[in-house]
Amino acid sequence: MGFRLKIEGAELIELGLESILTAEFKTDTPDDSNARSTDLGVTAHLTGKILAAVDGENADDTMKVARWSLVPAENSDCYRKATVEVISASQVVRRIHFPNAFCVDYVEKFGDTEGVGTFSLLLKQKKDKTPNLKFEGGFGDAV
């Protein structure tokens, strides 16, 4: 199983199979509600490895993600198109498209035993654009 992330905005950000280790999709409504709430939040949480450039290869795009996480809310570029793909046996199992995603949290951890480091990215869909989110699956196409 593998994961891909593509973020489109002022610059293209792509993290691939070799970088992303886990992906979690979550819909969240208030826990204190006695009926289906209209207050719906949608998030994706991705974790992975920070990959360094080796033998002339390009480094991964985690530096671009870090810079995006610093874009202030006053700047329209804080919202970007993000697509998460879950891949198994060379086929796309799920594709989740966030048309107006923003970075809630971005964390990088470094230690003397983890190699270059690890990252954690929490994306959220802008609430008033939640109906535009696409959750797709059942693809028969090979990657």
Protein backbone atom coordinates (compact mmCIF):
# COMPACT_ATOMS: atom_id res chain seq x y z
CA MET A 1 0.00 0.00 0.00
CA GLY A 2 1.17 3.49 -0.77
CA PHE A 3 0.03 7.08 -0.84
CA ARG A 4 0.45 10.14 -3.04
CA LEU A 5 -0.27 13.77 -2.26
CA LYS A 6 -0.56 16.53 -4.84
CA ILE A 7 -1.09 20.14 -3.75
CA GLU A 8 -1.75 22.75 -6.43
CA GLY A 9 -1.49 26.46 -5.81
CA ALA A 10 1.23 29.07 -6.19
CA GLU A 11 3.58 26.13 -6.66
CA LEU A 12 3.10 22.40 -7.25
CA ILE A 13 3.83 20.15 -4.27
CA GLU A 14 4.05 16.38 -4.74
CA LEU A 15 4.85 13.74 -2.15
CA GLY A 16 4.94 10.16 -3.34
CA LEU A 17 5.00 6.53 -2.43
CA GLU A 18 8.53 6.63 -1.04
CA SER A 19 7.78 9.54 1.31
CA ILE A 20 4.28 9.11 2.79
CA LEU A 21 3.88 6.34 5.39
CA THR A 22 0.31 6.80 6.65
CA ALA A 23 -2.84 8.62 5.56
CA GLU A 24 -6.01 9.13 7.59
CA PHE A 25 -9.26 10.66 6.32
CA LYS A 26 -11.73 11.94 8.91
CA THR A 27 -15.15 13.55 8.93
CA ASP A 28 -15.98 15.23 12.20
CA THR A 29 -19.26 16.46 13.63
CA PRO A 30 -19.86 17.76 17.15
CA ASP A 31 -19.99 14.93 19.69
CA ASP A 32 -22.66 16.68 21.77
CA SER A 33 -25.25 16.73 18.97
CA ASN A 34 -28.41 14.57 19.16
CA ALA A 35 -29.04 14.80 15.41
CA ARG A 36 -26.97 15.01 12.28
CA SER A 37 -25.21 18.35 12.48
CA THR A 38 -24.56 20.77 9.64
CA ASP A 39 -21.27 21.60 11.38
CA LEU A 40 -19.13 19.12 9.45
CA GLY A 41 -15.35 19.22 9.26
CA VAL A 42 -13.22 17.11 6.90
CA THR A 43 -9.52 16.45 7.44
CA ALA A 44 -6.65 14.37 6.09
CA HIS A 45 -3.67 13.53 8.28
CA LEU A 46 -0.51 12.31 6.54
CA THR A 47 2.78 11.22 8.08
CA GLY A 48 5.99 10.27 6.40
CA LYS A 49 9.74 10.50 5.95
CA ILE A 50 11.69 13.55 4.92
CA LEU A 51 13.89 12.47 2.03
CA ALA A 52 17.22 14.14 1.30
CA ALA A 53 18.70 14.62 -2.14
CA VAL A 54 21.13 11.79 -2.93
CA ASP A 55 23.31 11.33 -6.02
CA GLY A 56 21.80 14.28 -7.89
CA GLU A 57 18.17 13.35 -7.16
CA ASN A 58 15.78 16.06 -6.11
CA ALA A 59 14.86 16.29 -2.43
CA ASP A 60 11.21 15.68 -1.59
CA ASP A 61 8.73 18.56 -1.43
CA THR A 62 8.42 18.70 2.37
CA MET A 63 10.24 22.05 2.34
CA LYS A 64 7.48 23.42 0.09
CA VAL A 65 4.86 22.07 2.53
CA ALA A 66 6.66 23.78 5.41
CA ARG A 67 6.62 27.10 3.53
CA TRP A 68 2.90 26.66 2.68
CA SER A 69 2.12 26.08 6.37
CA LEU A 70 3.44 29.60 7.07
CA VAL A 71 1.15 31.39 4.60
CA PRO A 72 -1.15 33.68 6.66
CA ALA A 73 -4.94 33.53 6.44
CA GLU A 74 -5.03 36.99 4.83
CA ASN A 75 -3.29 35.55 1.76
CA SER A 76 -5.61 33.62 -0.59
CA ASP A 77 -2.75 31.18 -1.31
CA CYS A 78 -3.33 29.62 2.11
CA TYR A 79 -6.14 27.68 0.35
CA ARG A 80 -4.97 25.19 -2.26
CA LYS A 81 -6.27 22.18 -4.17
CA ALA A 82 -5.08 18.96 -2.54
CA THR A 83 -5.55 15.40 -3.75
CA VAL A 84 -4.71 12.33 -1.67
CA GLU A 85 -4.53 8.94 -3.38
CA VAL A 86 -4.41 5.56 -1.66
CA ILE A 87 -2.73 2.95 -3.85
CA SER A 88 -2.77 -0.82 -3.42
CA ALA A 89 -1.50 -3.43 -5.88
CA SER A 90 -0.72 -0.64 -8.38
CA GLN A 91 -4.34 0.53 -8.39
CA VAL A 92 -5.93 3.66 -6.93
CA VAL A 93 -8.24 2.50 -4.12
CA ARG A 94 -9.30 5.97 -2.95
CA ARG A 95 -8.90 9.49 -4.32
CA ILE A 96 -9.91 12.33 -2.04
CA HIS A 97 -9.91 15.80 -3.58
CA PHE A 98 -9.99 18.85 -1.30
CA PRO A 99 -10.72 21.86 -3.56
CA ASN A 100 -9.99 24.42 -0.81
CA ALA A 101 -7.58 22.78 1.63
CA PHE A 102 -5.56 24.63 4.22
CA CYS A 103 -2.79 23.51 6.51
CA VAL A 104 -3.95 23.13 10.11
CA ASP A 105 -0.69 21.66 11.47
CA TYR A 106 2.67 20.79 10.01
CA VAL A 107 5.34 19.20 12.20
CA GLU A 108 8.84 18.02 11.39
CA LYS A 109 10.74 15.82 13.87
CA PHE A 110 14.44 15.11 13.80
CA GLY A 111 16.53 12.73 15.88
CA ASP A 112 19.78 10.82 15.68
CA THR A 113 18.09 7.50 14.82
CA GLU A 114 15.33 8.52 12.36
CA GLY A 115 17.51 9.21 9.32
CA VAL A 116 16.78 12.65 7.91
CA GLY A 117 13.50 13.13 9.80
CA THR A 118 9.74 12.66 9.78
CA PHE A 119 6.79 14.92 9.06
CA SER A 120 3.14 15.14 10.01
CA LEU A 121 0.66 17.16 7.95
CA LEU A 122 -2.94 17.88 8.92
CA LEU A 123 -5.06 19.30 6.08
CA LYS A 124 -8.60 20.56 6.42
CA GLN A 125 -11.23 21.48 3.85
CA LYS A 126 -12.62 25.01 4.09
CA LYS A 127 -15.98 24.50 5.78
CA ASP A 128 -18.21 26.45 3.38
CA LYS A 129 -16.70 24.48 0.47
CA THR A 130 -17.23 21.02 2.00
CA PRO A 131 -19.95 20.07 -0.55
CA ASN A 132 -17.28 20.39 -3.28
CA LEU A 133 -15.07 17.71 -1.73
CA LYS A 134 -14.79 14.58 -3.88
CA PHE A 135 -14.35 11.14 -2.33
CA GLU A 136 -13.83 8.60 -5.10
CA GLY A 137 -12.95 4.92 -5.24
CA GLY A 138 -13.39 1.70 -7.15
CA PHE A 139 -10.93 2.53 -9.89
CA GLY A 140 -9.88 -0.32 -12.17
CA ASP A 141 -7.01 1.64 -13.70
CA ALA A 142 -3.47 0.60 -12.98
CA VAL A 143 -1.17 3.36 -11.73
